[in-house]
């Protein structure tokens, strides 16, 4: 059939190919099988789950064709940003490129923090770097936790005082 109104025909045909069980919805598992990084590795489960949750209006753990179409636009925007920060066009973001990306996005983060992210999210190698899926995941989580922090930092002073339970509540409501 034809794409429903408001859905890009290319997104519609890809949706049909990705919807392996013909349910009319895309699950995390189906999404994971459809998305690949520049090194041909599939997107990781955490990033796929974050993105499904973002576009899942019914809280069913899956997205319809409209959610999928919006998700593809979302990924394309992140991919464009990723390619902008991947200065050497290697298909991944190195330590220096990550530092530059954070700075240009307006985050004032230490080299130690970038190193921590590389240790956590990069594939193990002598020159660790971040693939697109992990870049999206890091940026989404950074944006979400920054928003949560700003809600508490009403004076914009760069630090807040909160209880352990307030901290956990921020993390659970924003990250899981």
C-alpha atoms as a PDB file:
ATOM      1  CA  UNK A   1       0.000   0.000   0.000  1.00  0.00           C
ATOM      2  CA  UNK A   2       0.781   3.664   0.057  1.00  0.00           C
ATOM      3  CA  UNK A   3       2.324   5.644   2.895  1.00  0.00           C
ATOM      4  CA  UNK A   4      -0.216   7.113   5.332  1.00  0.00           C
ATOM      5  CA  UNK A   5      -0.621  10.918   5.298  1.00  0.00           C
ATOM      6  CA  UNK A   6       2.299  12.722   6.941  1.00  0.00           C
ATOM      7  CA  UNK A   7       4.676   9.753   6.575  1.00  0.00           C
ATOM      8  CA  UNK A   8       7.606   9.949   4.175  1.00  0.00           C
ATOM      9  CA  UNK A   9       7.198   7.182   1.514  1.00  0.00           C
ATOM     10  CA  UNK A  10      10.814   6.078   2.045  1.00  0.00           C
ATOM     11  CA  UNK A  11      10.234   5.814   5.828  1.00  0.00           C
ATOM     12  CA  UNK A  12       7.037   3.858   5.130  1.00  0.00           C
ATOM     13  CA  UNK A  13       8.776   1.320   2.905  1.00  0.00           C
ATOM     14  CA  UNK A  14      11.606   0.953   5.427  1.00  0.00           C
ATOM     15  CA  UNK A  15       9.024   0.521   8.207  1.00  0.00           C
ATOM     16  CA  UNK A  16       7.459  -2.360   6.277  1.00  0.00           C
ATOM     17  CA  UNK A  17      10.871  -4.000   5.829  1.00  0.00           C
ATOM     18  CA  UNK A  18      11.797  -3.573   9.514  1.00  0.00           C
ATOM     19  CA  UNK A  19       8.420  -4.777  10.857  1.00  0.00           C
ATOM     20  CA  UNK A  20       9.526  -8.421  10.597  1.00  0.00           C
ATOM     21  CA  UNK A  21       6.508  -9.872  12.433  1.00  0.00           C
ATOM     22  CA  UNK A  22       4.029  -7.716  10.430  1.00  0.00           C
ATOM     23  CA  UNK A  23       2.461  -6.411  13.661  1.00  0.00           C
ATOM     24  CA  UNK A  24       2.231  -2.828  12.424  1.00  0.00           C
ATOM     25  CA  UNK A  25       4.721  -1.832  15.129  1.00  0.00           C
ATOM     26  CA  UNK A  26       8.488  -1.769  15.525  1.00  0.00           C
ATOM     27  CA  UNK A  27       9.945  -3.322  18.687  1.00  0.00           C
ATOM     28  CA  UNK A  28      13.356  -2.628  20.214  1.00  0.00           C
ATOM     29  CA  UNK A  29      14.593  -5.909  18.717  1.00  0.00           C
ATOM     30  CA  UNK A  30      13.348  -5.013  15.220  1.00  0.00           C
ATOM     31  CA  UNK A  31      14.792  -1.506  15.477  1.00  0.00           C
ATOM     32  CA  UNK A  32      18.166  -2.862  16.579  1.00  0.00           C
ATOM     33  CA  UNK A  33      18.296  -5.114  13.520  1.00  0.00           C
ATOM     34  CA  UNK A  34      17.551  -2.159  11.245  1.00  0.00           C
ATOM     35  CA  UNK A  35      20.119   0.395  12.455  1.00  0.00           C
ATOM     36  CA  UNK A  36      23.875   0.176  11.897  1.00  0.00           C
ATOM     37  CA  UNK A  37      26.892   2.314  12.712  1.00  0.00           C
ATOM     38  CA  UNK A  38      29.569   3.247  10.198  1.00  0.00           C
ATOM     39  CA  UNK A  39      31.558   0.152  11.220  1.00  0.00           C
ATOM     40  CA  UNK A  40      28.499  -2.042  10.425  1.00  0.00           C
ATOM     41  CA  UNK A  41      27.873  -2.855  14.101  1.00  0.00           C
ATOM     42  CA  UNK A  42      24.207  -2.794  15.067  1.00  0.00           C
ATOM     43  CA  UNK A  43      22.953  -0.067  17.393  1.00  0.00           C
ATOM     44  CA  UNK A  44      23.165  -1.104  21.040  1.00  0.00           C
ATOM     45  CA  UNK A  45      20.093  -2.098  23.068  1.00  0.00           C
ATOM     46  CA  UNK A  46      20.255   0.919  25.419  1.00  0.00           C
ATOM     47  CA  UNK A  47      20.173   3.471  22.585  1.00  0.00           C
ATOM     48  CA  UNK A  48      17.365   1.619  20.789  1.00  0.00           C
ATOM     49  CA  UNK A  49      15.318   1.469  24.002  1.00  0.00           C
ATOM     50  CA  UNK A  50      15.908   5.191  24.698  1.00  0.00           C
ATOM     51  CA  UNK A  51      14.737   6.076  21.190  1.00  0.00           C
ATOM     52  CA  UNK A  52      11.714   3.749  21.234  1.00  0.00           C
ATOM     53  CA  UNK A  53      10.648   5.245  24.578  1.00  0.00           C
ATOM     54  CA  UNK A  54      11.038   8.734  23.148  1.00  0.00           C
ATOM     55  CA  UNK A  55       8.663   8.062  20.228  1.00  0.00           C
ATOM     56  CA  UNK A  56       6.331   5.542  21.909  1.00  0.00           C
ATOM     57  CA  UNK A  57       3.227   7.651  22.585  1.00  0.00           C
ATOM     58  CA  UNK A  58       1.230   4.694  23.985  1.00  0.00           C
ATOM     59  CA  UNK A  59       3.937   3.422  26.393  1.00  0.00           C
ATOM     60  CA  UNK A  60       3.654  -0.025  24.810  1.00  0.00           C
ATOM     61  CA  UNK A  61       7.397  -0.516  24.210  1.00  0.00           C
ATOM     62  CA  UNK A  62       7.016  -0.223  20.450  1.00  0.00           C
ATOM     63  CA  UNK A  63       6.358   2.439  17.821  1.00  0.00           C
ATOM     64  CA  UNK A  64       3.944   2.727  14.933  1.00  0.00           C
ATOM     65  CA  UNK A  65       4.743   4.024  11.452  1.00  0.00           C
ATOM     66  CA  UNK A  66       4.342   7.664  12.564  1.00  0.00           C
ATOM     67  CA  UNK A  67       6.734   7.169  15.489  1.00  0.00           C
ATOM     68  CA  UNK A  68       9.169   5.353  13.193  1.00  0.00           C
ATOM     69  CA  UNK A  69       9.066   8.174  10.645  1.00  0.00           C
ATOM     70  CA  UNK A  70       9.752  10.743  13.402  1.00  0.00           C
ATOM     71  CA  UNK A  71      12.531   8.507  14.780  1.00  0.00           C
ATOM     72  CA  UNK A  72      14.241   8.380  11.373  1.00  0.00           C
ATOM     73  CA  UNK A  73      14.184  12.201  11.154  1.00  0.00           C
ATOM     74  CA  UNK A  74      15.583  12.343  14.697  1.00  0.00           C
ATOM     75  CA  UNK A  75      18.419   9.911  13.829  1.00  0.00           C
ATOM     76  CA  UNK A  76      19.220  11.852  10.644  1.00  0.00           C
ATOM     77  CA  UNK A  77      19.588  15.074  12.649  1.00  0.00           C
ATOM     78  CA  UNK A  78      21.966  13.350  15.083  1.00  0.00           C
ATOM     79  CA  UNK A  79      23.859  11.760  12.188  1.00  0.00           C
ATOM     80  CA  UNK A  80      24.372  15.192  10.591  1.00  0.00           C
ATOM     81  CA  UNK A  81      25.696  16.546  13.902  1.00  0.00           C
ATOM     82  CA  UNK A  82      27.882  13.451  14.372  1.00  0.00           C
ATOM     83  CA  UNK A  83      29.406  13.899  10.900  1.00  0.00           C
ATOM     84  CA  UNK A  84      30.049  17.575  11.657  1.00  0.00           C
ATOM     85  CA  UNK A  85      32.055  16.616  14.788  1.00  0.00           C
ATOM     86  CA  UNK A  86      33.794  13.659  13.093  1.00  0.00           C
ATOM     87  CA  UNK A  87      36.434  16.015  11.711  1.00  0.00           C
ATOM     88  CA  UNK A  88      38.677  13.308  10.257  1.00  0.00           C
ATOM     89  CA  UNK A  89      35.682  11.523   8.646  1.00  0.00           C
ATOM     90  CA  UNK A  90      36.702   8.245  10.328  1.00  0.00           C
ATOM     91  CA  UNK A  91      33.086   7.273  11.045  1.00  0.00           C
ATOM     92  CA  UNK A  92      33.607   7.594  14.797  1.00  0.00           C
ATOM     93  CA  UNK A  93      34.242  10.334  17.345  1.00  0.00           C
ATOM     94  CA  UNK A  94      37.681  10.393  18.992  1.00  0.00           C
ATOM     95  CA  UNK A  95      38.558  11.920  22.357  1.00  0.00           C
ATOM     96  CA  UNK A  96      39.525  15.302  20.847  1.00  0.00           C
ATOM     97  CA  UNK A  97      36.441  15.351  18.629  1.00  0.00           C
ATOM     98  CA  UNK A  98      34.240  14.539  21.633  1.00  0.00           C
ATOM     99  CA  UNK A  99      35.807  17.365  23.661  1.00  0.00           C
ATOM    100  CA  UNK A 100      35.220  19.762  20.758  1.00  0.00           C
ATOM    101  CA  UNK A 101      31.632  18.544  20.303  1.00  0.00           C
ATOM    102  CA  UNK A 102      30.793  19.118  23.977  1.00  0.00           C
ATOM    103  CA  UNK A 103      32.346  22.572  23.876  1.00  0.00           C
ATOM    104  CA  UNK A 104      30.443  23.564  20.725  1.00  0.00           C
ATOM    105  CA  UNK A 105      27.200  22.224  22.235  1.00  0.00           C
ATOM    106  CA  UNK A 106      27.758  24.547  25.188  1.00  0.00           C
ATOM    107  CA  UNK A 107      28.867  21.982  27.769  1.00  0.00           C
ATOM    108  CA  UNK A 108      31.851  22.945  29.903  1.00  0.00           C
ATOM    109  CA  UNK A 109      33.111  19.436  30.700  1.00  0.00           C
ATOM    110  CA  UNK A 110      36.568  18.349  31.766  1.00  0.00           C
ATOM    111  CA  UNK A 111      38.849  16.118  29.690  1.00  0.00           C
ATOM    112  CA  UNK A 112      38.525  13.590  32.551  1.00  0.00           C
ATOM    113  CA  UNK A 113      34.769  13.423  32.005  1.00  0.00           C
ATOM    114  CA  UNK A 114      35.218  12.827  28.256  1.00  0.00           C
ATOM    115  CA  UNK A 115      37.776  10.132  29.100  1.00  0.00           C
ATOM    116  CA  UNK A 116      35.242   8.515  31.451  1.00  0.00           C
ATOM    117  CA  UNK A 117      32.630   8.475  28.665  1.00  0.00           C
ATOM    118  CA  UNK A 118      35.123   6.919  26.249  1.00  0.00           C
ATOM    119  CA  UNK A 119      36.004   4.252  28.817  1.00  0.00           C
ATOM    120  CA  UNK A 120      32.296   3.504  29.330  1.00  0.00           C
ATOM    121  CA  UNK A 121      30.953   3.717  25.757  1.00  0.00           C
ATOM    122  CA  UNK A 122      33.791   3.185  23.264  1.00  0.00           C
ATOM    123  CA  UNK A 123      34.849  -0.171  21.900  1.00  0.00           C
ATOM    124  CA  UNK A 124      38.042  -1.368  23.572  1.00  0.00           C
ATOM    125  CA  UNK A 125      41.058  -0.403  21.504  1.00  0.00           C
ATOM    126  CA  UNK A 126      44.329   1.494  21.657  1.00  0.00           C
ATOM    127  CA  UNK A 127      42.528   4.520  20.171  1.00  0.00           C
ATOM    128  CA  UNK A 128      38.992   4.398  21.606  1.00  0.00           C
ATOM    129  CA  UNK A 129      36.225   6.265  19.776  1.00  0.00           C
ATOM    130  CA  UNK A 130      32.447   6.599  19.896  1.00  0.00           C
ATOM    131  CA  UNK A 131      30.088   5.221  17.233  1.00  0.00           C
ATOM    132  CA  UNK A 132      26.886   7.037  16.187  1.00  0.00           C
ATOM    133  CA  UNK A 133      24.590   4.996  18.455  1.00  0.00           C
ATOM    134  CA  UNK A 134      26.597   5.758  21.578  1.00  0.00           C
ATOM    135  CA  UNK A 135      26.958   9.416  20.533  1.00  0.00           C
ATOM    136  CA  UNK A 136      23.161   9.690  20.340  1.00  0.00           C
ATOM    137  CA  UNK A 137      22.824   7.919  23.692  1.00  0.00           C
ATOM    138  CA  UNK A 138      25.422  10.118  25.441  1.00  0.00           C
ATOM    139  CA  UNK A 139      23.924  13.328  24.045  1.00  0.00           C
ATOM    140  CA  UNK A 140      20.349  12.329  24.936  1.00  0.00           C
ATOM    141  CA  UNK A 141      21.375  11.419  28.483  1.00  0.00           C
ATOM    142  CA  UNK A 142      23.506  14.542  28.856  1.00  0.00           C
ATOM    143  CA  UNK A 143      20.637  16.726  27.649  1.00  0.00           C
ATOM    144  CA  UNK A 144      18.136  14.998  29.939  1.00  0.00           C
ATOM    145  CA  UNK A 145      20.284  15.154  33.066  1.00  0.00           C
ATOM    146  CA  UNK A 146      21.269  18.757  32.286  1.00  0.00           C
ATOM    147  CA  UNK A 147      17.573  19.667  32.083  1.00  0.00           C
ATOM    148  CA  UNK A 148      16.970  17.946  35.440  1.00  0.00           C
ATOM    149  CA  UNK A 149      19.937  19.783  36.964  1.00  0.00           C
ATOM    150  CA  UNK A 150      18.746  23.139  35.629  1.00  0.00           C
ATOM    151  CA  UNK A 151      15.342  22.603  37.266  1.00  0.00           C
ATOM    152  CA  UNK A 152      17.160  22.505  40.623  1.00  0.00           C
ATOM    153  CA  UNK A 153      19.807  25.149  39.769  1.00  0.00           C
ATOM    154  CA  UNK A 154      17.295  28.001  39.604  1.00  0.00           C
ATOM    155  CA  UNK A 155      20.000  30.626  40.179  1.00  0.00           C
ATOM    156  CA  UNK A 156      22.159  29.166  37.370  1.00  0.00           C
ATOM    157  CA  UNK A 157      25.211  29.015  39.655  1.00  0.00           C
ATOM    158  CA  UNK A 158      26.422  25.618  38.416  1.00  0.00           C
ATOM    159  CA  UNK A 159      25.847  23.616  41.591  1.00  0.00           C
ATOM    160  CA  UNK A 160      22.886  22.415  43.606  1.00  0.00           C
ATOM    161  CA  UNK A 161      22.236  20.881  46.976  1.00  0.00           C
ATOM    162  CA  UNK A 162      19.935  17.893  46.980  1.00  0.00           C
ATOM    163  CA  UNK A 163      19.173  14.837  48.987  1.00  0.00           C
ATOM    164  CA  UNK A 164      20.225  11.377  47.890  1.00  0.00           C
ATOM    165  CA  UNK A 165      16.600  10.477  47.141  1.00  0.00           C
ATOM    166  CA  UNK A 166      16.121  13.659  45.067  1.00  0.00           C
ATOM    167  CA  UNK A 167      19.223  12.690  43.097  1.00  0.00           C
ATOM    168  CA  UNK A 168      17.930   9.140  42.538  1.00  0.00           C
ATOM    169  CA  UNK A 169      14.532  10.490  41.517  1.00  0.00           C
ATOM    170  CA  UNK A 170      16.214  12.737  38.931  1.00  0.00           C
ATOM    171  CA  UNK A 171      18.161   9.797  37.539  1.00  0.00           C
ATOM    172  CA  UNK A 172      15.261   7.321  37.480  1.00  0.00           C
ATOM    173  CA  UNK A 173      12.768   9.728  35.894  1.00  0.00           C
ATOM    174  CA  UNK A 174      15.225  10.900  33.241  1.00  0.00           C
ATOM    175  CA  UNK A 175      17.295   7.843  32.417  1.00  0.00           C
ATOM    176  CA  UNK A 176      15.243   4.708  32.779  1.00  0.00           C
END
